Amino acid sequence: MAEYTTVSIPKDLADRVDETIEGTSFQSTSDLVRFLLRSIVIQHQRRGELTEAEFEEIAEQLRGLGYLE
Protein backbone atom coordinates (compact mmCIF):
# COMPACT_ATOMS: atom_id res chain seq x y z
CA MET A 1 0.00 0.00 0.00
CA ALA A 2 1.33 3.44 -0.96
CA GLU A 3 2.17 6.00 1.68
CA TYR A 4 1.06 9.59 1.18
CA THR A 5 2.05 13.04 2.31
CA THR A 6 0.16 16.31 2.24
CA VAL A 7 0.96 19.30 0.04
CA SER A 8 -0.66 22.61 0.90
CA ILE A 9 -1.79 25.13 -1.68
CA PRO A 10 -3.76 28.33 -1.18
CA LYS A 11 -7.54 27.85 -1.11
CA ASP A 12 -8.08 30.25 -4.03
CA LEU A 13 -5.71 28.16 -6.16
CA ALA A 14 -7.49 24.96 -5.13
CA ASP A 15 -10.79 26.56 -6.16
CA ARG A 16 -9.35 27.54 -9.55
CA VAL A 17 -8.02 24.01 -10.04
CA ASP A 18 -11.44 22.57 -9.19
CA GLU A 19 -13.00 24.81 -11.85
CA THR A 20 -10.29 23.91 -14.36
CA ILE A 21 -10.62 20.14 -13.96
CA GLU A 22 -14.41 20.21 -14.21
CA GLY A 23 -15.38 18.03 -17.16
CA THR A 24 -11.95 16.38 -17.41
CA SER A 25 -10.77 12.93 -16.38
CA PHE A 26 -9.20 14.40 -13.23
CA GLN A 27 -11.38 13.64 -10.22
CA SER A 28 -9.63 15.97 -7.76
CA THR A 29 -6.91 18.55 -7.26
CA SER A 30 -4.72 15.73 -5.94
CA ASP A 31 -5.16 13.79 -9.20
CA LEU A 32 -4.01 16.76 -11.23
CA VAL A 33 -1.06 17.56 -8.96
CA ARG A 34 0.09 13.91 -9.07
CA PHE A 35 -0.15 13.97 -12.87
CA LEU A 36 1.83 17.21 -13.19
CA LEU A 37 4.52 16.13 -10.75
CA ARG A 38 4.89 12.72 -12.40
CA SER A 39 5.24 14.43 -15.78
CA ILE A 40 8.00 16.71 -14.50
CA VAL A 41 9.81 13.87 -12.72
CA ILE A 42 9.62 11.60 -15.80
CA GLN A 43 11.05 14.36 -18.00
CA HIS A 44 13.84 14.89 -15.49
CA GLN A 45 14.66 11.18 -15.30
CA ARG A 46 14.67 10.71 -19.08
CA ARG A 47 17.05 13.57 -19.69
CA GLY A 48 19.12 13.24 -16.56
CA GLU A 49 18.42 16.81 -15.54
CA LEU A 50 16.09 19.62 -16.53
CA THR A 51 17.80 22.61 -18.06
CA GLU A 52 16.84 26.06 -16.87
CA ALA A 53 15.05 26.63 -20.19
CA GLU A 54 13.03 23.40 -19.80
CA PHE A 55 12.11 24.33 -16.23
CA GLU A 56 10.99 27.77 -17.38
CA GLU A 57 8.94 26.23 -20.21
CA ILE A 58 7.14 23.97 -17.72
CA ALA A 59 6.60 26.89 -15.34
CA GLU A 60 5.20 29.00 -18.20
CA GLN A 61 2.78 26.24 -19.15
CA LEU A 62 1.63 25.96 -15.53
CA ARG A 63 1.21 29.75 -15.36
CA GLY A 64 -0.89 29.61 -18.53
CA LEU A 65 -3.12 27.03 -16.88
CA GLY A 66 -3.42 29.22 -13.78
CA TYR A 67 -1.45 26.96 -11.43
CA LEU A 68 1.40 29.43 -10.91
CA GLU A 69 1.25 33.18 -10.52
PDB file of N, CA and C in Angstrom:
ATOM      1  N   MET A   1       0.842  -1.184   0.000  1.00  0.00           N
ATOM      2  CA  MET A   1       0.000   0.000   0.000  1.00  0.00           C
ATOM      3  C   MET A   1       0.885   1.244   0.000  1.00  0.00           C
ATOM      4  N   ALA A   2       0.546   2.213  -0.840  1.00  0.00           N
ATOM      5  CA  ALA A   2       1.331   3.437  -0.956  1.00  0.00           C
ATOM      6  C   ALA A   2       1.156   4.321   0.260  1.00  0.00           C
ATOM      7  N   GLU A   3       2.231   4.999   0.622  1.00  0.00           N
ATOM      8  CA  GLU A   3       2.167   6.003   1.678  1.00  0.00           C
ATOM      9  C   GLU A   3       1.974   7.364   1.017  1.00  0.00           C
ATOM     10  N   TYR A   4       1.339   8.265   1.726  1.00  0.00           N
ATOM     11  CA  TYR A   4       1.055   9.587   1.179  1.00  0.00           C
ATOM     12  C   TYR A   4       1.547  10.668   2.125  1.00  0.00           C
ATOM     13  N   THR A   5       1.731  11.856   1.551  1.00  0.00           N
ATOM     14  CA  THR A   5       2.051  13.042   2.313  1.00  0.00           C
ATOM     15  C   THR A   5       1.115  14.150   1.846  1.00  0.00           C
ATOM     16  N   THR A   6       1.064  15.216   2.564  1.00  0.00           N
ATOM     17  CA  THR A   6       0.162  16.314   2.236  1.00  0.00           C
ATOM     18  C   THR A   6       0.952  17.481   1.668  1.00  0.00           C
ATOM     19  N   VAL A   7       0.401  18.082   0.626  1.00  0.00           N
ATOM     20  CA  VAL A   7       0.958  19.297   0.036  1.00  0.00           C
ATOM     21  C   VAL A   7      -0.097  20.374   0.184  1.00  0.00           C
ATOM     22  N   SER A   8       0.283  21.507   0.695  1.00  0.00           N
ATOM     23  CA  SER A   8      -0.662  22.607   0.900  1.00  0.00           C
ATOM     24  C   SER A   8      -0.560  23.623  -0.231  1.00  0.00           C
ATOM     25  N   ILE A   9      -1.725  24.042  -0.709  1.00  0.00           N
ATOM     26  CA  ILE A   9      -1.790  25.127  -1.680  1.00  0.00           C
ATOM     27  C   ILE A   9      -2.861  26.098  -1.202  1.00  0.00           C
ATOM     28  N   PRO A  10      -2.756  27.357  -1.605  1.00  0.00           N
ATOM     29  CA  PRO A  10      -3.764  28.333  -1.176  1.00  0.00           C
ATOM     30  C   PRO A  10      -5.167  27.913  -1.631  1.00  0.00           C
ATOM     31  N   LYS A  11      -6.160  28.219  -0.826  1.00  0.00           N
ATOM     32  CA  LYS A  11      -7.540  27.850  -1.108  1.00  0.00           C
ATOM     33  C   LYS A  11      -8.017  28.423  -2.438  1.00  0.00           C
ATOM     34  N   ASP A  12      -7.641  29.662  -2.758  1.00  0.00           N
ATOM     35  CA  ASP A  12      -8.082  30.248  -4.030  1.00  0.00           C
ATOM     36  C   ASP A  12      -7.509  29.479  -5.221  1.00  0.00           C
ATOM     37  N   LEU A  13      -6.285  28.976  -5.099  1.00  0.00           N
ATOM     38  CA  LEU A  13      -5.708  28.161  -6.163  1.00  0.00           C
ATOM     39  C   LEU A  13      -6.441  26.829  -6.264  1.00  0.00           C
ATOM     40  N   ALA A  14      -6.748  26.221  -5.136  1.00  0.00           N
ATOM     41  CA  ALA A  14      -7.495  24.957  -5.133  1.00  0.00           C
ATOM     42  C   ALA A  14      -8.856  25.143  -5.799  1.00  0.00           C
ATOM     43  N   ASP A  15      -9.496  26.267  -5.533  1.00  0.00           N
ATOM     44  CA  ASP A  15     -10.793  26.557  -6.162  1.00  0.00           C
ATOM     45  C   ASP A  15     -10.651  26.700  -7.672  1.00  0.00           C
ATOM     46  N   ARG A  16      -9.584  27.379  -8.112  1.00  0.00           N
ATOM     47  CA  ARG A  16      -9.348  27.535  -9.548  1.00  0.00           C
ATOM     48  C   ARG A  16      -9.054  26.196 -10.199  1.00  0.00           C
ATOM     49  N   VAL A  17      -8.308  25.343  -9.504  1.00  0.00           N
ATOM     50  CA  VAL A  17      -8.017  24.009 -10.037  1.00  0.00           C
ATOM     51  C   VAL A  17      -9.314  23.224 -10.166  1.00  0.00           C
ATOM     52  N   ASP A  18     -10.156  23.277  -9.142  1.00  0.00           N
ATOM     53  CA  ASP A  18     -11.443  22.571  -9.193  1.00  0.00           C
ATOM     54  C   ASP A  18     -12.255  23.007 -10.412  1.00  0.00           C
ATOM     55  N   GLU A  19     -12.274  24.301 -10.685  1.00  0.00           N
ATOM     56  CA  GLU A  19     -13.000  24.805 -11.848  1.00  0.00           C
ATOM     57  C   GLU A  19     -12.356  24.325 -13.146  1.00  0.00           C
ATOM     58  N   THR A  20     -11.031  24.297 -13.172  1.00  0.00           N
ATOM     59  CA  THR A  20     -10.291  23.906 -14.362  1.00  0.00           C
ATOM     60  C   THR A  20     -10.484  22.437 -14.705  1.00  0.00           C
ATOM     61  N   ILE A  21     -10.530  21.578 -13.687  1.00  0.00           N
ATOM     62  CA  ILE A  21     -10.619  20.139 -13.961  1.00  0.00           C
ATOM     63  C   ILE A  21     -12.053  19.671 -14.194  1.00  0.00           C
ATOM     64  N   GLU A  22     -13.007  20.565 -13.975  1.00  0.00           N
ATOM     65  CA  GLU A  22     -14.409  20.209 -14.207  1.00  0.00           C
ATOM     66  C   GLU A  22     -14.579  19.747 -15.654  1.00  0.00           C
ATOM     67  N   GLY A  23     -15.165  18.576 -15.822  1.00  0.00           N
ATOM     68  CA  GLY A  23     -15.383  18.032 -17.160  1.00  0.00           C
ATOM     69  C   GLY A  23     -14.193  17.290 -17.748  1.00  0.00           C
ATOM     70  N   THR A  24     -13.118  17.129 -16.958  1.00  0.00           N
ATOM     71  CA  THR A  24     -11.947  16.377 -17.414  1.00  0.00           C
ATOM     72  C   THR A  24     -11.928  15.022 -16.726  1.00  0.00           C
ATOM     73  N   SER A  25     -10.905  14.236 -17.027  1.00  0.00           N
ATOM     74  CA  SER A  25     -10.773  12.932 -16.381  1.00  0.00           C
ATOM     75  C   SER A  25     -10.192  13.033 -14.975  1.00  0.00           C
ATOM     76  N   PHE A  26      -9.724  14.226 -14.575  1.00  0.00           N
ATOM     77  CA  PHE A  26      -9.197  14.402 -13.227  1.00  0.00           C
ATOM     78  C   PHE A  26     -10.355  14.495 -12.246  1.00  0.00           C
ATOM     79  N   GLN A  27     -10.302  13.681 -11.199  1.00  0.00           N
ATOM     80  CA  GLN A  27     -11.377  13.639 -10.218  1.00  0.00           C
ATOM     81  C   GLN A  27     -11.169  14.620  -9.065  1.00  0.00           C
ATOM     82  N   SER A  28      -9.924  15.097  -8.899  1.00  0.00           N
ATOM     83  CA  SER A  28      -9.626  15.973  -7.761  1.00  0.00           C
ATOM     84  C   SER A  28      -8.371  16.780  -8.045  1.00  0.00           C
ATOM     85  N   THR A  29      -8.141  17.782  -7.197  1.00  0.00           N
ATOM     86  CA  THR A  29      -6.906  18.553  -7.262  1.00  0.00           C
ATOM     87  C   THR A  29      -5.716  17.629  -7.093  1.00  0.00           C
ATOM     88  N   SER A  30      -5.817  16.680  -6.177  1.00  0.00           N
ATOM     89  CA  SER A  30      -4.721  15.734  -5.945  1.00  0.00           C
ATOM     90  C   SER A  30      -4.390  14.944  -7.204  1.00  0.00           C
ATOM     91  N   ASP A  31      -5.403  14.510  -7.951  1.00  0.00           N
ATOM     92  CA  ASP A  31      -5.162  13.785  -9.199  1.00  0.00           C
ATOM     93  C   ASP A  31      -4.338  14.630 -10.167  1.00  0.00           C
ATOM     94  N   LEU A  32      -4.715  15.885 -10.305  1.00  0.00           N
ATOM     95  CA  LEU A  32      -4.006  16.760 -11.226  1.00  0.00           C
ATOM     96  C   LEU A  32      -2.580  17.017 -10.762  1.00  0.00           C
ATOM     97  N   VAL A  33      -2.398  17.292  -9.487  1.00  0.00           N
ATOM     98  CA  VAL A  33      -1.058  17.563  -8.955  1.00  0.00           C
ATOM     99  C   VAL A  33      -0.167  16.337  -9.139  1.00  0.00           C
ATOM    100  N   ARG A  34      -0.698  15.137  -8.851  1.00  0.00           N
ATOM    101  CA  ARG A  34       0.088  13.913  -9.068  1.00  0.00           C
ATOM    102  C   ARG A  34       0.490  13.784 -10.526  1.00  0.00           C
ATOM    103  N   PHE A  35      -0.444  14.048 -11.450  1.00  0.00           N
ATOM    104  CA  PHE A  35      -0.153  13.967 -12.873  1.00  0.00           C
ATOM    105  C   PHE A  35       0.955  14.947 -13.267  1.00  0.00           C
ATOM    106  N   LEU A  36       0.828  16.188 -12.831  1.00  0.00           N
ATOM    107  CA  LEU A  36       1.826  17.207 -13.187  1.00  0.00           C
ATOM    108  C   LEU A  36       3.195  16.877 -12.618  1.00  0.00           C
ATOM    109  N   LEU A  37       3.236  16.466 -11.357  1.00  0.00           N
ATOM    110  CA  LEU A  37       4.524  16.135 -10.747  1.00  0.00           C
ATOM    111  C   LEU A  37       5.162  14.911 -11.399  1.00  0.00           C
ATOM    112  N   ARG A  38       4.354  13.899 -11.696  1.00  0.00           N
ATOM    113  CA  ARG A  38       4.888  12.724 -12.400  1.00  0.00           C
ATOM    114  C   ARG A  38       5.479  13.134 -13.745  1.00  0.00           C
ATOM    115  N   SER A  39       4.767  13.986 -14.471  1.00  0.00           N
ATOM    116  CA  SER A  39       5.243  14.434 -15.780  1.00  0.00           C
ATOM    117  C   SER A  39       6.596  15.124 -15.664  1.00  0.00           C
ATOM    118  N   ILE A  40       6.740  15.991 -14.699  1.00  0.00           N
ATOM    119  CA  ILE A  40       8.004  16.707 -14.503  1.00  0.00           C
ATOM    120  C   ILE A  40       9.105  15.737 -14.104  1.00  0.00           C
ATOM    121  N   VAL A  41       8.811  14.826 -13.180  1.00  0.00           N
ATOM    122  CA  VAL A  41       9.814  13.869 -12.724  1.00  0.00           C
ATOM    123  C   VAL A  41      10.239  12.947 -13.866  1.00  0.00           C
ATOM    124  N   ILE A  42       9.291  12.482 -14.666  1.00  0.00           N
ATOM    125  CA  ILE A  42       9.616  11.605 -15.796  1.00  0.00           C
ATOM    126  C   ILE A  42      10.516  12.334 -16.791  1.00  0.00           C
ATOM    127  N   GLN A  43      10.188  13.588 -17.096  1.00  0.00           N
ATOM    128  CA  GLN A  43      11.051  14.364 -17.998  1.00  0.00           C
ATOM    129  C   GLN A  43      12.451  14.469 -17.423  1.00  0.00           C
ATOM    130  N   HIS A  44      12.543  14.750 -16.151  1.00  0.00           N
ATOM    131  CA  HIS A  44      13.836  14.886 -15.487  1.00  0.00           C
ATOM    132  C   HIS A  44      14.618  13.591 -15.566  1.00  0.00           C
ATOM    133  N   GLN A  45      13.974  12.460 -15.296  1.00  0.00           N
ATOM    134  CA  GLN A  45      14.657  11.175 -15.296  1.00  0.00           C
ATOM    135  C   GLN A  45      15.100  10.772 -16.700  1.00  0.00           C
ATOM    136  N   ARG A  46      14.310  11.065 -17.700  1.00  0.00           N
ATOM    137  CA  ARG A  46      14.669  10.706 -19.078  1.00  0.00           C
ATOM    138  C   ARG A  46      15.883  11.476 -19.565  1.00  0.00           C
ATOM    139  N   ARG A  47      15.972  12.705 -19.184  1.00  0.00           N
ATOM    140  CA  ARG A  47      17.048  13.566 -19.685  1.00  0.00           C
ATOM    141  C   ARG A  47      18.215  13.676 -18.724  1.00  0.00           C
ATOM    142  N   GLY A  48      18.049  13.145 -17.538  1.00  0.00           N
ATOM    143  CA  GLY A  48      19.125  13.236 -16.557  1.00  0.00           C
ATOM    144  C   GLY A  48      19.002  14.473 -15.697  1.00  0.00           C
ATOM    145  N   GLU A  49      18.585  15.566 -16.298  1.00  0.00           N
ATOM    146  CA  GLU A  49      18.419  16.815 -15.541  1.00  0.00           C
ATOM    147  C   GLU A  49      17.667  17.807 -16.406  1.00  0.00           C
ATOM    148  N   LEU A  50      16.779  18.572 -15.798  1.00  0.00           N
ATOM    149  CA  LEU A  50      16.087  19.618 -16.534  1.00  0.00           C
ATOM    150  C   LEU A  50      17.007  20.820 -16.676  1.00  0.00           C
ATOM    151  N   THR A  51      17.048  21.372 -17.881  1.00  0.00           N
ATOM    152  CA  THR A  51      17.800  22.606 -18.061  1.00  0.00           C
ATOM    153  C   THR A  51      16.955  23.755 -17.518  1.00  0.00           C
ATOM    154  N   GLU A  52      17.571  24.875 -17.329  1.00  0.00           N
ATOM    155  CA  GLU A  52      16.841  26.056 -16.866  1.00  0.00           C
ATOM    156  C   GLU A  52      15.746  26.417 -17.866  1.00  0.00           C
ATOM    157  N   ALA A  53      16.036  26.302 -19.158  1.00  0.00           N
ATOM    158  CA  ALA A  53      15.053  26.626 -20.191  1.00  0.00           C
ATOM    159  C   ALA A  53      13.864  25.666 -20.123  1.00  0.00           C
ATOM    160  N   GLU A  54      14.116  24.378 -19.905  1.00  0.00           N
ATOM    161  CA  GLU A  54      13.035  23.400 -19.798  1.00  0.00           C
ATOM    162  C   GLU A  54      12.181  23.674 -18.566  1.00  0.00           C
ATOM    163  N   PHE A  55      12.839  23.997 -17.458  1.00  0.00           N
ATOM    164  CA  PHE A  55      12.105  24.325 -16.234  1.00  0.00           C
ATOM    165  C   PHE A  55      11.224  25.543 -16.455  1.00  0.00           C
ATOM    166  N   GLU A  56      11.760  26.559 -17.103  1.00  0.00           N
ATOM    167  CA  GLU A  56      10.992  27.769 -17.379  1.00  0.00           C
ATOM    168  C   GLU A  56       9.821  27.482 -18.320  1.00  0.00           C
ATOM    169  N   GLU A  57      10.025  26.591 -19.294  1.00  0.00           N
ATOM    170  CA  GLU A  57       8.936  26.226 -20.210  1.00  0.00           C
ATOM    171  C   GLU A  57       7.805  25.544 -19.440  1.00  0.00           C
ATOM    172  N   ILE A  58       8.146  24.636 -18.543  1.00  0.00           N
ATOM    173  CA  ILE A  58       7.137  23.966 -17.721  1.00  0.00           C
ATOM    174  C   ILE A  58       6.422  24.983 -16.839  1.00  0.00           C
ATOM    175  N   ALA A  59       7.193  25.865 -16.212  1.00  0.00           N
ATOM    176  CA  ALA A  59       6.601  26.886 -15.345  1.00  0.00           C
ATOM    177  C   ALA A  59       5.662  27.787 -16.136  1.00  0.00           C
ATOM    178  N   GLU A  60       6.044  28.144 -17.359  1.00  0.00           N
ATOM    179  CA  GLU A  60       5.197  29.002 -18.196  1.00  0.00           C
ATOM    180  C   GLU A  60       3.899  28.288 -18.564  1.00  0.00           C
ATOM    181  N   GLN A  61       3.988  27.000 -18.852  1.00  0.00           N
ATOM    182  CA  GLN A  61       2.782  26.235 -19.151  1.00  0.00           C
ATOM    183  C   GLN A  61       1.860  26.187 -17.944  1.00  0.00           C
ATOM    184  N   LEU A  62       2.438  25.988 -16.760  1.00  0.00           N
ATOM    185  CA  LEU A  62       1.628  25.960 -15.534  1.00  0.00           C
ATOM    186  C   LEU A  62       1.024  27.323 -15.248  1.00  0.00           C
ATOM    187  N   ARG A  63       1.761  28.406 -15.523  1.00  0.00           N
ATOM    188  CA  ARG A  63       1.207  29.751 -15.359  1.00  0.00           C
ATOM    189  C   ARG A  63       0.021  29.948 -16.305  1.00  0.00           C
ATOM    190  N   GLY A  64       0.181  29.485 -17.553  1.00  0.00           N
ATOM    191  CA  GLY A  64      -0.890  29.605 -18.529  1.00  0.00           C
ATOM    192  C   GLY A  64      -2.155  28.879 -18.123  1.00  0.00           C
ATOM    193  N   LEU A  65      -1.980  27.788 -17.381  1.00  0.00           N
ATOM    194  CA  LEU A  65      -3.119  27.026 -16.879  1.00  0.00           C
ATOM    195  C   LEU A  65      -3.672  27.599 -15.574  1.00  0.00           C
ATOM    196  N   GLY A  66      -2.954  28.582 -15.006  1.00  0.00           N
ATOM    197  CA  GLY A  66      -3.417  29.216 -13.781  1.00  0.00           C
ATOM    198  C   GLY A  66      -2.911  28.565 -12.504  1.00  0.00           C
ATOM    199  N   TYR A  67      -1.941  27.654 -12.626  1.00  0.00           N
ATOM    200  CA  TYR A  67      -1.449  26.964 -11.428  1.00  0.00           C
ATOM    201  C   TYR A  67      -0.298  27.703 -10.758  1.00  0.00           C
ATOM    202  N   LEU A  68       0.337  28.596 -11.486  1.00  0.00           N
ATOM    203  CA  LEU A  68       1.397  29.430 -10.908  1.00  0.00           C
ATOM    204  C   LEU A  68       1.057  30.888 -11.194  1.00  0.00           C
ATOM    205  N   GLU A  69       1.481  31.728 -10.301  1.00  0.00           N
ATOM    206  CA  GLU A  69       1.247  33.177 -10.516  1.00  0.00           C
ATOM    207  C   GLU A  69       2.488  33.827 -11.034  1.00  0.00           C
TER     208      GLU A  69
END
